[in-house]
Every structure is written in C-alpha cells, then in structure tokens.
Amino acid sequence: MAAGIKAILYAPGCAIATLDLPLSATSNPRYDCVCQPLRTVSITGALRSDEALWRQLELQAKYVARWGQKFLQLDTDSVIDIPVGEVAYPGEDGRFRLTILDLADNPLSASQDLKT
C-alpha cells in the first residue's frame, strides 16, 4: 500500500495548489480543493515569418513548475507544465492575443519558483 499521495492541482481560472496526504489502512482522509480565482493578463504580439506558417500555428502559454520534480519526487529530466490559457491562433496579419492567468498572484507558483 502506498504511504501517501502527492499531486499538483490545477483547474482553469484557479490558483495552482498541491496535495500531500498521508494514507494508512485505518484512515480515509478527505481533501477539499477550493478554487482561489486568479485575474488574467493579456499578451499581444505579431509573428514575423512566412504567412503560410501562421495558418499552421497554435499558440498557448504554459507554466513550467520547476519546483514540481522535487515536490513529486521525480527525476530531474521530468518537466511539469500546466496550460494557463486558451489556445490562440494568429490572424492573417500574424497578430495574436493570449489571455493567461496572472500567476504572480498565485502564492505557490510565485514563491516556489524563486527558490529553485
């Protein structure tokens, strides 16, 4: 039997959280995950390349949880990335707009990344 369970929790629009529950044959632990809403920020830009390439691109921002390997006790080759916004498609002029979570307001992601 496993001694516990660890997870990195993410729901769209919510702060990133962790779960670290010990397990035993005699206990049935309960965990409630409460969404802590985060505000969003927009990133706008324009691609400077062949227009044929723009029609094939999907843009999406991902948060790389550099602290995740240590928390989950994974090898250092593992990469934990979490999509933090919807997919955006460049327009005919190459311009795009991504709306992503403002992870600076997420205490876990902001403080943990500074420690690594």
PDB file of N, CA and C in Angstrom:
ATOM      1  N   MET A   1       0.845  -1.180   0.000  1.00  0.00           N
ATOM      2  CA  MET A   1       0.000   0.000   0.000  1.00  0.00           C
ATOM      3  C   MET A   1       0.890   1.243   0.000  1.00  0.00           C
ATOM      4  N   ALA A   2       0.483   2.245  -0.754  1.00  0.00           N
ATOM      5  CA  ALA A   2       1.225   3.493  -0.807  1.00  0.00           C
ATOM      6  C   ALA A   2       1.125   4.214   0.534  1.00  0.00           C
ATOM      7  N   ALA A   3       2.192   4.920   0.879  1.00  0.00           N
ATOM      8  CA  ALA A   3       2.219   5.657   2.146  1.00  0.00           C
ATOM      9  C   ALA A   3       1.469   6.979   2.052  1.00  0.00           C
ATOM     10  N   GLY A   4       1.288   7.465   0.828  1.00  0.00           N
ATOM     11  CA  GLY A   4       0.616   8.738   0.662  1.00  0.00           C
ATOM     12  C   GLY A   4       0.395   9.059  -0.798  1.00  0.00           C
ATOM     13  N   ILE A   5      -0.198  10.195  -1.020  1.00  0.00           N
ATOM     14  CA  ILE A   5      -0.440  10.665  -2.377  1.00  0.00           C
ATOM     15  C   ILE A   5      -0.032  12.127  -2.457  1.00  0.00           C
ATOM     16  N   LYS A   6       0.656  12.464  -3.548  1.00  0.00           N
ATOM     17  CA  LYS A   6       1.043  13.844  -3.812  1.00  0.00           C
ATOM     18  C   LYS A   6       0.558  14.206  -5.198  1.00  0.00           C
ATOM     19  N   ALA A   7       0.115  15.441  -5.359  1.00  0.00           N
ATOM     20  CA  ALA A   7      -0.355  15.902  -6.656  1.00  0.00           C
ATOM     21  C   ALA A   7      -0.213  17.413  -6.746  1.00  0.00           C
ATOM     22  N   ILE A   8      -0.066  17.878  -7.973  1.00  0.00           N
ATOM     23  CA  ILE A   8      -0.147  19.303  -8.268  1.00  0.00           C
ATOM     24  C   ILE A   8      -1.523  19.498  -8.891  1.00  0.00           C
ATOM     25  N   LEU A   9      -2.318  20.370  -8.299  1.00  0.00           N
ATOM     26  CA  LEU A   9      -3.703  20.560  -8.715  1.00  0.00           C
ATOM     27  C   LEU A   9      -3.867  21.867  -9.471  1.00  0.00           C
ATOM     28  N   TYR A  10      -4.582  21.781 -10.581  1.00  0.00           N
ATOM     29  CA  TYR A  10      -4.876  22.986 -11.347  1.00  0.00           C
ATOM     30  C   TYR A  10      -6.251  22.847 -11.982  1.00  0.00           C
ATOM     31  N   ALA A  11      -7.044  23.881 -11.848  1.00  0.00           N
ATOM     32  CA  ALA A  11      -8.324  23.995 -12.546  1.00  0.00           C
ATOM     33  C   ALA A  11      -8.305  25.338 -13.269  1.00  0.00           C
ATOM     34  N   PRO A  12      -8.773  25.392 -14.507  1.00  0.00           N
ATOM     35  CA  PRO A  12      -8.747  26.653 -15.262  1.00  0.00           C
ATOM     36  C   PRO A  12      -9.350  27.807 -14.459  1.00  0.00           C
ATOM     37  N   GLY A  13      -8.612  28.917 -14.427  1.00  0.00           N
ATOM     38  CA  GLY A  13      -9.068  30.111 -13.717  1.00  0.00           C
ATOM     39  C   GLY A  13      -8.709  30.147 -12.249  1.00  0.00           C
ATOM     40  N   CYS A  14      -8.119  29.047 -11.742  1.00  0.00           N
ATOM     41  CA  CYS A  14      -7.824  28.941 -10.313  1.00  0.00           C
ATOM     42  C   CYS A  14      -6.317  28.905 -10.061  1.00  0.00           C
ATOM     43  N   ALA A  15      -5.938  29.253  -8.850  1.00  0.00           N
ATOM     44  CA  ALA A  15      -4.543  29.176  -8.433  1.00  0.00           C
ATOM     45  C   ALA A  15      -4.079  27.714  -8.425  1.00  0.00           C
ATOM     46  N   ILE A  16      -2.807  27.515  -8.660  1.00  0.00           N
ATOM     47  CA  ILE A  16      -2.199  26.189  -8.597  1.00  0.00           C
ATOM     48  C   ILE A  16      -2.030  25.822  -7.127  1.00  0.00           C
ATOM     49  N   ALA A  17      -2.316  24.574  -6.797  1.00  0.00           N
ATOM     50  CA  ALA A  17      -2.220  24.109  -5.412  1.00  0.00           C
ATOM     51  C   ALA A  17      -1.532  22.750  -5.388  1.00  0.00           C
ATOM     52  N   THR A  18      -1.166  22.313  -4.200  1.00  0.00           N
ATOM     53  CA  THR A  18      -0.584  20.984  -4.046  1.00  0.00           C
ATOM     54  C   THR A  18      -1.418  20.168  -3.083  1.00  0.00           C
ATOM     55  N   LEU A  19      -1.299  18.867  -3.220  1.00  0.00           N
ATOM     56  CA  LEU A  19      -1.955  17.913  -2.338  1.00  0.00           C
ATOM     57  C   LEU A  19      -0.878  16.974  -1.831  1.00  0.00           C
ATOM     58  N   ASP A  20      -0.805  16.794  -0.527  1.00  0.00           N
ATOM     59  CA  ASP A  20       0.152  15.884   0.099  1.00  0.00           C
ATOM     60  C   ASP A  20      -0.553  15.216   1.274  1.00  0.00           C
ATOM     61  N   LEU A  21      -1.166  14.061   0.996  1.00  0.00           N
ATOM     62  CA  LEU A  21      -1.956  13.364   2.007  1.00  0.00           C
ATOM     63  C   LEU A  21      -1.304  12.042   2.392  1.00  0.00           C
ATOM     64  N   PRO A  22      -1.084  11.825   3.678  1.00  0.00           N
ATOM     65  CA  PRO A  22      -0.622  10.503   4.107  1.00  0.00           C
ATOM     66  C   PRO A  22      -1.790   9.515   4.047  1.00  0.00           C
ATOM     67  N   LEU A  23      -1.503   8.276   3.702  1.00  0.00           N
ATOM     68  CA  LEU A  23      -2.528   7.238   3.642  1.00  0.00           C
ATOM     69  C   LEU A  23      -2.175   6.119   4.604  1.00  0.00           C
ATOM     70  N   SER A  24      -3.196   5.508   5.166  1.00  0.00           N
ATOM     71  CA  SER A  24      -2.976   4.331   6.005  1.00  0.00           C
ATOM     72  C   SER A  24      -4.192   3.424   5.890  1.00  0.00           C
ATOM     73  N   ALA A  25      -4.049   2.191   6.339  1.00  0.00           N
ATOM     74  CA  ALA A  25      -5.150   1.232   6.265  1.00  0.00           C
ATOM     75  C   ALA A  25      -6.303   1.617   7.188  1.00  0.00           C
ATOM     76  N   THR A  26      -6.024   2.441   8.187  1.00  0.00           N
ATOM     77  CA  THR A  26      -7.059   2.783   9.170  1.00  0.00           C
ATOM     78  C   THR A  26      -7.695   4.146   8.940  1.00  0.00           C
ATOM     79  N   SER A  27      -7.179   4.911   8.011  1.00  0.00           N
ATOM     80  CA  SER A  27      -7.748   6.249   7.807  1.00  0.00           C
ATOM     81  C   SER A  27      -8.300   6.385   6.393  1.00  0.00           C
ATOM     82  N   ASN A  28      -9.250   7.245   6.267  1.00  0.00           N
ATOM     83  CA  ASN A  28      -9.846   7.570   4.978  1.00  0.00           C
ATOM     84  C   ASN A  28      -9.835   9.094   4.862  1.00  0.00           C
ATOM     85  N   PRO A  29      -8.651   9.672   4.526  1.00  0.00           N
ATOM     86  CA  PRO A  29      -8.559  11.139   4.539  1.00  0.00           C
ATOM     87  C   PRO A  29      -9.439  11.774   3.465  1.00  0.00           C
ATOM     88  N   ARG A  30      -9.900  12.970   3.787  1.00  0.00           N
ATOM     89  CA  ARG A  30     -10.723  13.737   2.865  1.00  0.00           C
ATOM     90  C   ARG A  30      -9.974  15.023   2.538  1.00  0.00           C
ATOM     91  N   TYR A  31     -10.059  15.446   1.285  1.00  0.00           N
ATOM     92  CA  TYR A  31      -9.414  16.683   0.872  1.00  0.00           C
ATOM     93  C   TYR A  31     -10.401  17.479   0.030  1.00  0.00           C
ATOM     94  N   ASP A  32     -10.621  18.717   0.383  1.00  0.00           N
ATOM     95  CA  ASP A  32     -11.465  19.613  -0.400  1.00  0.00           C
ATOM     96  C   ASP A  32     -10.577  20.624  -1.095  1.00  0.00           C
ATOM     97  N   CYS A  33     -10.670  20.673  -2.387  1.00  0.00           N
ATOM     98  CA  CYS A  33      -9.903  21.648  -3.164  1.00  0.00           C
ATOM     99  C   CYS A  33     -10.822  22.825  -3.465  1.00  0.00           C
ATOM    100  N   VAL A  34     -10.448  23.984  -2.982  1.00  0.00           N
ATOM    101  CA  VAL A  34     -11.244  25.192  -3.174  1.00  0.00           C
ATOM    102  C   VAL A  34     -10.538  26.067  -4.209  1.00  0.00           C
ATOM    103  N   CYS A  35     -11.270  26.484  -5.210  1.00  0.00           N
ATOM    104  CA  CYS A  35     -10.705  27.347  -6.253  1.00  0.00           C
ATOM    105  C   CYS A  35     -10.455  28.740  -5.690  1.00  0.00           C
ATOM    106  N   GLN A  36      -9.208  29.168  -5.807  1.00  0.00           N
ATOM    107  CA  GLN A  36      -8.871  30.557  -5.482  1.00  0.00           C
ATOM    108  C   GLN A  36      -8.705  31.272  -6.823  1.00  0.00           C
ATOM    109  N   PRO A  37      -9.723  32.004  -7.262  1.00  0.00           N
ATOM    110  CA  PRO A  37      -9.683  32.617  -8.591  1.00  0.00           C
ATOM    111  C   PRO A  37      -8.497  33.567  -8.744  1.00  0.00           C
ATOM    112  N   LEU A  38      -7.920  33.557  -9.940  1.00  0.00           N
ATOM    113  CA  LEU A  38      -6.834  34.478 -10.281  1.00  0.00           C
ATOM    114  C   LEU A  38      -7.302  35.395 -11.402  1.00  0.00           C
ATOM    115  N   ARG A  39      -6.775  36.603 -11.413  1.00  0.00           N
ATOM    116  CA  ARG A  39      -7.090  37.506 -12.523  1.00  0.00           C
ATOM    117  C   ARG A  39      -6.281  37.071 -13.740  1.00  0.00           C
ATOM    118  N   THR A  40      -6.612  37.611 -14.876  1.00  0.00           N
ATOM    119  CA  THR A  40      -5.902  37.280 -16.101  1.00  0.00           C
ATOM    120  C   THR A  40      -5.171  38.503 -16.630  1.00  0.00           C
ATOM    121  N   VAL A  41      -4.192  38.246 -17.466  1.00  0.00           N
ATOM    122  CA  VAL A  41      -3.469  39.295 -18.178  1.00  0.00           C
ATOM    123  C   VAL A  41      -3.443  38.902 -19.655  1.00  0.00           C
ATOM    124  N   SER A  42      -3.276  39.885 -20.503  1.00  0.00           N
ATOM    125  CA  SER A  42      -3.235  39.626 -21.944  1.00  0.00           C
ATOM    126  C   SER A  42      -1.844  39.867 -22.489  1.00  0.00           C
ATOM    127  N   ILE A  43      -1.467  39.027 -23.412  1.00  0.00           N
ATOM    128  CA  ILE A  43      -0.207  39.169 -24.139  1.00  0.00           C
ATOM    129  C   ILE A  43      -0.583  39.321 -25.610  1.00  0.00           C
ATOM    130  N   THR A  44      -0.134  40.399 -26.219  1.00  0.00           N
ATOM    131  CA  THR A  44      -0.386  40.592 -27.645  1.00  0.00           C
ATOM    132  C   THR A  44       0.938  40.644 -28.371  1.00  0.00           C
ATOM    133  N   GLY A  45       0.913  40.243 -29.604  1.00  0.00           N
ATOM    134  CA  GLY A  45       2.138  40.257 -30.395  1.00  0.00           C
ATOM    135  C   GLY A  45       1.842  40.032 -31.855  1.00  0.00           C
ATOM    136  N   ALA A  46       2.898  39.960 -32.626  1.00  0.00           N
ATOM    137  CA  ALA A  46       2.776  39.701 -34.059  1.00  0.00           C
ATOM    138  C   ALA A  46       3.937  38.813 -34.477  1.00  0.00           C
ATOM    139  N   LEU A  47       3.630  37.863 -35.308  1.00  0.00           N
ATOM    140  CA  LEU A  47       4.655  36.958 -35.828  1.00  0.00           C
ATOM    141  C   LEU A  47       5.246  37.573 -37.087  1.00  0.00           C
ATOM    142  N   ARG A  48       6.535  37.442 -37.209  1.00  0.00           N
ATOM    143  CA  ARG A  48       7.229  37.937 -38.403  1.00  0.00           C
ATOM    144  C   ARG A  48       7.845  36.732 -39.098  1.00  0.00           C
ATOM    145  N   SER A  49       7.083  36.172 -39.992  1.00  0.00           N
ATOM    146  CA  SER A  49       7.539  34.996 -40.694  1.00  0.00           C
ATOM    147  C   SER A  49       6.663  34.799 -41.913  1.00  0.00           C
ATOM    148  N   ASP A  50       6.856  33.709 -42.566  1.00  0.00           N
ATOM    149  CA  ASP A  50       6.069  33.355 -43.734  1.00  0.00           C
ATOM    150  C   ASP A  50       4.609  33.169 -43.345  1.00  0.00           C
ATOM    151  N   GLU A  51       3.701  33.820 -44.069  1.00  0.00           N
ATOM    152  CA  GLU A  51       2.276  33.742 -43.754  1.00  0.00           C
ATOM    153  C   GLU A  51       1.759  32.312 -43.779  1.00  0.00           C
ATOM    154  N   ALA A  52       2.311  31.468 -44.619  1.00  0.00           N
ATOM    155  CA  ALA A  52       1.863  30.074 -44.681  1.00  0.00           C
ATOM    156  C   ALA A  52       2.078  29.383 -43.336  1.00  0.00           C
ATOM    157  N   LEU A  53       3.115  29.769 -42.613  1.00  0.00           N
ATOM    158  CA  LEU A  53       3.392  29.191 -41.306  1.00  0.00           C
ATOM    159  C   LEU A  53       2.348  29.608 -40.284  1.00  0.00           C
ATOM    160  N   TRP A  54       1.876  30.856 -40.348  1.00  0.00           N
ATOM    161  CA  TRP A  54       0.896  31.349 -39.380  1.00  0.00           C
ATOM    162  C   TRP A  54      -0.364  30.500 -39.375  1.00  0.00           C
ATOM    163  N   ARG A  55      -0.777  30.062 -40.524  1.00  0.00           N
ATOM    164  CA  ARG A  55      -2.033  29.308 -40.626  1.00  0.00           C
ATOM    165  C   ARG A  55      -1.924  27.939 -39.962  1.00  0.00           C
ATOM    166  N   GLN A  56      -0.708  27.502 -39.665  1.00  0.00           N
ATOM    167  CA  GLN A  56      -0.494  26.191 -39.051  1.00  0.00           C
ATOM    168  C   GLN A  56      -0.216  26.281 -37.554  1.00  0.00           C
ATOM    169  N   LEU A  57      -0.079  27.481 -37.027  1.00  0.00           N
ATOM    170  CA  LEU A  57       0.327  27.637 -35.637  1.00  0.00           C
ATOM    171  C   LEU A  57      -0.843  27.711 -34.668  1.00  0.00           C
ATOM    172  N   GLU A  58      -0.625  27.096 -33.519  1.00  0.00           N
ATOM    173  CA  GLU A  58      -1.474  27.264 -32.356  1.00  0.00           C
ATOM    174  C   GLU A  58      -0.546  27.767 -31.252  1.00  0.00           C
ATOM    175  N   LEU A  59      -0.927  28.842 -30.611  1.00  0.00           N
ATOM    176  CA  LEU A  59      -0.120  29.407 -29.537  1.00  0.00           C
ATOM    177  C   LEU A  59      -0.818  29.161 -28.204  1.00  0.00           C
ATOM    178  N   GLN A  60      -0.036  28.708 -27.225  1.00  0.00           N
ATOM    179  CA  GLN A  60      -0.592  28.513 -25.892  1.00  0.00           C
ATOM    180  C   GLN A  60       0.523  28.729 -24.876  1.00  0.00           C
ATOM    181  N   ALA A  61       0.209  29.461 -23.826  1.00  0.00           N
ATOM    182  CA  ALA A  61       1.164  29.692 -22.748  1.00  0.00           C
ATOM    183  C   ALA A  61       1.073  28.545 -21.751  1.00  0.00           C
ATOM    184  N   LYS A  62       2.237  28.116 -21.272  1.00  0.00           N
ATOM    185  CA  LYS A  62       2.285  27.066 -20.255  1.00  0.00           C
ATOM    186  C   LYS A  62       3.195  27.518 -19.123  1.00  0.00           C
ATOM    187  N   TYR A  63       2.781  27.209 -17.919  1.00  0.00           N
ATOM    188  CA  TYR A  63       3.591  27.476 -16.733  1.00  0.00           C
ATOM    189  C   TYR A  63       4.436  26.237 -16.483  1.00  0.00           C
ATOM    190  N   VAL A  64       5.751  26.408 -16.404  1.00  0.00           N
ATOM    191  CA  VAL A  64       6.650  25.299 -16.094  1.00  0.00           C
ATOM    192  C   VAL A  64       6.911  25.323 -14.596  1.00  0.00           C
ATOM    193  N   ALA A  65       6.398  24.312 -13.901  1.00  0.00           N
ATOM    194  CA  ALA A  65       6.553  24.214 -12.440  1.00  0.00           C
ATOM    195  C   ALA A  65       7.922  23.605 -12.143  1.00  0.00           C
ATOM    196  N   ARG A  66       8.937  24.457 -12.083  1.00  0.00           N
ATOM    197  CA  ARG A  66      10.307  23.971 -11.865  1.00  0.00           C
ATOM    198  C   ARG A  66      10.462  23.298 -10.505  1.00  0.00           C
ATOM    199  N   TRP A  67       9.615  23.614  -9.582  1.00  0.00           N
ATOM    200  CA  TRP A  67       9.653  23.033  -8.244  1.00  0.00           C
ATOM    201  C   TRP A  67       8.922  21.697  -8.194  1.00  0.00           C
ATOM    202  N   GLY A  68       8.191  21.352  -9.242  1.00  0.00           N
ATOM    203  CA  GLY A  68       7.350  20.165  -9.247  1.00  0.00           C
ATOM    204  C   GLY A  68       8.093  18.847  -9.125  1.00  0.00           C
ATOM    205  N   GLN A  69       9.276  18.743  -9.767  1.00  0.00           N
ATOM    206  CA  GLN A  69      10.042  17.491  -9.684  1.00  0.00           C
ATOM    207  C   GLN A  69      10.399  17.167  -8.243  1.00  0.00           C
ATOM    208  N   LYS A  70      10.860  18.168  -7.520  1.00  0.00           N
ATOM    209  CA  LYS A  70      11.247  17.938  -6.125  1.00  0.00           C
ATOM    210  C   LYS A  70      10.030  17.589  -5.270  1.00  0.00           C
ATOM    211  N   PHE A  71       8.938  18.322  -5.448  1.00  0.00           N
ATOM    212  CA  PHE A  71       7.735  18.066  -4.663  1.00  0.00           C
ATOM    213  C   PHE A  71       7.191  16.659  -4.906  1.00  0.00           C
ATOM    214  N   LEU A  72       7.145  16.252  -6.180  1.00  0.00           N
ATOM    215  CA  LEU A  72       6.599  14.945  -6.529  1.00  0.00           C
ATOM    216  C   LEU A  72       7.638  13.822  -6.466  1.00  0.00           C
ATOM    217  N   GLN A  73       8.870  14.180  -6.134  1.00  0.00           N
ATOM    218  CA  GLN A  73       9.983  13.229  -6.034  1.00  0.00           C
ATOM    219  C   GLN A  73      10.214  12.512  -7.358  1.00  0.00           C
ATOM    220  N   LEU A  74      10.274  13.300  -8.431  1.00  0.00           N
ATOM    221  CA  LEU A  74      10.537  12.785  -9.770  1.00  0.00           C
ATOM    222  C   LEU A  74      11.983  13.062 -10.146  1.00  0.00           C
ATOM    223  N   ASP A  75      12.461  12.374 -11.184  1.00  0.00           N
ATOM    224  CA  ASP A  75      13.822  12.647 -11.644  1.00  0.00           C
ATOM    225  C   ASP A  75      13.872  14.034 -12.276  1.00  0.00           C
ATOM    226  N   THR A  76      15.069  14.566 -12.382  1.00  0.00           N
ATOM    227  CA  THR A  76      15.230  15.942 -12.857  1.00  0.00           C
ATOM    228  C   THR A  76      14.970  16.095 -14.348  1.00  0.00           C
ATOM    229  N   ASP A  77      14.827  14.998 -15.076  1.00  0.00           N
ATOM    230  CA  ASP A  77      14.511  15.079 -16.500  1.00  0.00           C
ATOM    231  C   ASP A  77      13.024  15.322 -16.749  1.00  0.00           C
ATOM    232  N   SER A  78      12.208  15.137 -15.732  1.00  0.00           N
ATOM    233  CA  SER A  78      10.765  15.339 -15.871  1.00  0.00           C
ATOM    234  C   SER A  78      10.454  16.832 -15.957  1.00  0.00           C
ATOM    235  N   VAL A  79       9.515  17.174 -16.808  1.00  0.00           N
ATOM    236  CA  VAL A  79       9.075  18.553 -16.947  1.00  0.00           C
ATOM    237  C   VAL A  79       7.585  18.588 -16.638  1.00  0.00           C
ATOM    238  N   ILE A  80       7.216  19.460 -15.734  1.00  0.00           N
ATOM    239  CA  ILE A  80       5.816  19.605 -15.380  1.00  0.00           C
ATOM    240  C   ILE A  80       5.360  20.954 -15.914  1.00  0.00           C
ATOM    241  N   ASP A  81       4.527  20.913 -16.944  1.00  0.00           N
ATOM    242  CA  ASP A  81       4.000  22.166 -17.480  1.00  0.00           C
ATOM    243  C   ASP A  81       2.476  22.135 -17.441  1.00  0.00           C
ATOM    244  N   ILE A  82       1.931  23.299 -17.162  1.00  0.00           N
ATOM    245  CA  ILE A  82       0.490  23.438 -16.974  1.00  0.00           C
ATOM    246  C   ILE A  82      -0.004  24.524 -17.920  1.00  0.00           C
ATOM    247  N   PRO A  83      -0.944  24.204 -18.820  1.00  0.00           N
ATOM    248  CA  PRO A  83      -1.500  25.252 -19.688  1.00  0.00           C
ATOM    249  C   PRO A  83      -2.240  26.284 -18.849  1.00  0.00           C
ATOM    250  N   VAL A  84      -1.948  27.549 -19.065  1.00  0.00           N
ATOM    251  CA  VAL A  84      -2.557  28.604 -18.242  1.00  0.00           C
ATOM    252  C   VAL A  84      -3.395  29.579 -19.071  1.00  0.00           C
ATOM    253  N   GLY A  85      -3.860  29.122 -20.203  1.00  0.00           N
ATOM    254  CA  GLY A  85      -4.712  29.956 -21.037  1.00  0.00           C
ATOM    255  C   GLY A  85      -5.222  29.156 -22.222  1.00  0.00           C
ATOM    256  N   GLU A  86      -6.118  29.762 -22.937  1.00  0.00           N
ATOM    257  CA  GLU A  86      -6.699  29.126 -24.117  1.00  0.00           C
ATOM    258  C   GLU A  86      -5.703  29.175 -25.280  1.00  0.00           C
ATOM    259  N   VAL A  87      -5.930  28.334 -26.252  1.00  0.00           N
ATOM    260  CA  VAL A  87      -5.125  28.338 -27.472  1.00  0.00           C
ATOM    261  C   VAL A  87      -5.499  29.573 -28.287  1.00  0.00           C
ATOM    262  N   ALA A  88      -4.484  30.228 -28.865  1.00  0.00           N
ATOM    263  CA  ALA A  88      -4.715  31.386 -29.728  1.00  0.00           C
ATOM    264  C   ALA A  88      -4.186  31.058 -31.125  1.00  0.00           C
ATOM    265  N   TYR A  89      -4.841  31.611 -32.111  1.00  0.00           N
ATOM    266  CA  TYR A  89      -4.444  31.412 -33.499  1.00  0.00           C
ATOM    267  C   TYR A  89      -4.106  32.769 -34.103  1.00  0.00           C
ATOM    268  N   PRO A  90      -2.938  32.900 -34.717  1.00  0.00           N
ATOM    269  CA  PRO A  90      -2.585  34.183 -35.341  1.00  0.00           C
ATOM    270  C   PRO A  90      -3.561  34.538 -36.459  1.00  0.00           C
ATOM    271  N   GLY A  91      -3.837  35.837 -36.579  1.00  0.00           N
ATOM    272  CA  GLY A  91      -4.688  36.314 -37.663  1.00  0.00           C
ATOM    273  C   GLY A  91      -3.929  36.338 -38.974  1.00  0.00           C
ATOM    274  N   GLU A  92      -4.581  36.787 -40.010  1.00  0.00           N
ATOM    275  CA  GLU A  92      -3.959  36.829 -41.334  1.00  0.00           C
ATOM    276  C   GLU A  92      -2.743  37.739 -41.367  1.00  0.00           C
ATOM    277  N   ASP A  93      -2.691  38.728 -40.473  1.00  0.00           N
ATOM    278  CA  ASP A  93      -1.547  39.638 -40.417  1.00  0.00           C
ATOM    279  C   ASP A  93      -0.475  39.158 -39.433  1.00  0.00           C
ATOM    280  N   GLY A  94      -0.683  37.970 -38.825  1.00  0.00           N
ATOM    281  CA  GLY A  94       0.291  37.423 -37.880  1.00  0.00           C
ATOM    282  C   GLY A  94       0.082  37.871 -36.447  1.00  0.00           C
ATOM    283  N   ARG A  95      -0.888  38.740 -36.214  1.00  0.00           N
ATOM    284  CA  ARG A  95      -1.128  39.231 -34.852  1.00  0.00           C
ATOM    285  C   ARG A  95      -1.878  38.192 -34.033  1.00  0.00           C
ATOM    286  N   PHE A  96      -1.568  38.198 -32.724  1.00  0.00           N
ATOM    287  CA  PHE A  96      -2.233  37.265 -31.823  1.00  0.00           C
ATOM    288  C   PHE A  96      -2.441  37.913 -30.466  1.00  0.00           C
ATOM    289  N   ARG A  97      -3.322  37.311 -29.698  1.00  0.00           N
ATOM    290  CA  ARG A  97      -3.584  37.761 -28.325  1.00  0.00           C
ATOM    291  C   ARG A  97      -3.801  36.524 -27.465  1.00  0.00           C
ATOM    292  N   LEU A  98      -3.006  36.393 -26.417  1.00  0.00           N
ATOM    293  CA  LEU A  98      -3.165  35.315 -25.451  1.00  0.00           C
ATOM    294  C   LEU A  98      -3.679  35.912 -24.148  1.00  0.00           C
ATOM    295  N   THR A  99      -4.673  35.298 -23.564  1.00  0.00           N
ATOM    296  CA  THR A  99      -5.150  35.691 -22.242  1.00  0.00           C
ATOM    297  C   THR A  99      -4.760  34.561 -21.300  1.00  0.00           C
ATOM    298  N   ILE A 100      -3.939  34.913 -20.297  1.00  0.00           N
ATOM    299  CA  ILE A 100      -3.405  33.896 -19.388  1.00  0.00           C
ATOM    300  C   ILE A 100      -3.655  34.294 -17.938  1.00  0.00           C
ATOM    301  N   LEU A 101      -3.518  33.316 -17.046  1.00  0.00           N
ATOM    302  CA  LEU A 101      -3.626  33.602 -15.617  1.00  0.00           C
ATOM    303  C   LEU A 101      -2.438  34.428 -15.159  1.00  0.00           C
ATOM    304  N   ASP A 102      -2.675  35.342 -14.255  1.00  0.00           N
ATOM    305  CA  ASP A 102      -1.599  36.122 -13.651  1.00  0.00           C
ATOM    306  C   ASP A 102      -1.054  35.328 -12.468  1.00  0.00           C
ATOM    307  N   LEU A 103      -0.052  34.499 -12.728  1.00  0.00           N
ATOM    308  CA  LEU A 103       0.488  33.627 -11.689  1.00  0.00           C
ATOM    309  C   LEU A 103       1.311  34.379 -10.657  1.00  0.00           C
ATOM    310  N   ALA A 104       1.556  35.665 -10.874  1.00  0.00           N
ATOM    311  CA  ALA A 104       2.224  36.464  -9.843  1.00  0.00           C
ATOM    312  C   ALA A 104       1.335  36.562  -8.611  1.00  0.00           C
ATOM    313  N   ASP A 105       0.024  36.391  -8.800  1.00  0.00           N
ATOM    314  CA  ASP A 105      -0.918  36.426  -7.681  1.00  0.00           C
ATOM    315  C   ASP A 105      -1.095  35.060  -7.022  1.00  0.00           C
ATOM    316  N   ASN A 106      -0.431  34.036  -7.547  1.00  0.00           N
ATOM    317  CA  ASN A 106      -0.546  32.684  -7.000  1.00  0.00           C
ATOM    318  C   ASN A 106       0.602  32.467  -6.028  1.00  0.00           C
ATOM    319  N   PRO A 107       0.345  32.452  -4.726  1.00  0.00           N
ATOM    320  CA  PRO A 107       1.435  32.342  -3.746  1.00  0.00           C
ATOM    321  C   PRO A 107       2.335  31.126  -3.964  1.00  0.00           C
ATOM    322  N   LEU A 108       1.776  30.001  -4.351  1.00  0.00           N
ATOM    323  CA  LEU A 108       2.574  28.794  -4.541  1.00  0.00           C
ATOM    324  C   LEU A 108       3.543  28.937  -5.705  1.00  0.00           C
ATOM    325  N   SER A 109       3.056  29.320  -6.853  1.00  0.00           N
ATOM    326  CA  SER A 109       3.934  29.390  -8.019  1.00  0.00           C
ATOM    327  C   SER A 109       4.952  30.509  -7.893  1.00  0.00           C
ATOM    328  N   ALA A 110       4.555  31.652  -7.380  1.00  0.00           N
ATOM    329  CA  ALA A 110       5.488  32.780  -7.272  1.00  0.00           C
ATOM    330  C   ALA A 110       6.607  32.480  -6.283  1.00  0.00           C
ATOM    331  N   SER A 111       6.295  31.943  -5.128  1.00  0.00           N
ATOM    332  CA  SER A 111       7.325  31.727  -4.114  1.00  0.00           C
ATOM    333  C   SER A 111       8.182  30.509  -4.435  1.00  0.00           C
ATOM    334  N   GLN A 112       7.602  29.451  -4.962  1.00  0.00           N
ATOM    335  CA  GLN A 112       8.358  28.228  -5.228  1.00  0.00           C
ATOM    336  C   GLN A 112       9.374  28.435  -6.355  1.00  0.00           C
ATOM    337  N   ASP A 113       9.005  29.172  -7.392  1.00  0.00           N
ATOM    338  CA  ASP A 113       9.935  29.377  -8.497  1.00  0.00           C
ATOM    339  C   ASP A 113      11.127  30.213  -8.087  1.00  0.00           C
ATOM    340  N   LEU A 114      10.954  31.084  -7.120  1.00  0.00           N
ATOM    341  CA  LEU A 114      12.075  31.900  -6.672  1.00  0.00           C
ATOM    342  C   LEU A 114      13.085  31.081  -5.890  1.00  0.00           C
ATOM    343  N   LYS A 115      12.675  29.958  -5.319  1.00  0.00           N
ATOM    344  CA  LYS A 115      13.553  29.133  -4.513  1.00  0.00           C
ATOM    345  C   LYS A 115      14.396  28.159  -5.321  1.00  0.00           C
ATOM    346  N   THR A 116      14.027  27.929  -6.602  1.00  0.00           N
ATOM    347  CA  THR A 116      14.742  26.945  -7.403  1.00  0.00           C
ATOM    348  C   THR A 116      15.817  27.572  -8.231  1.00  0.00           C
TER     349      THR A 116
END
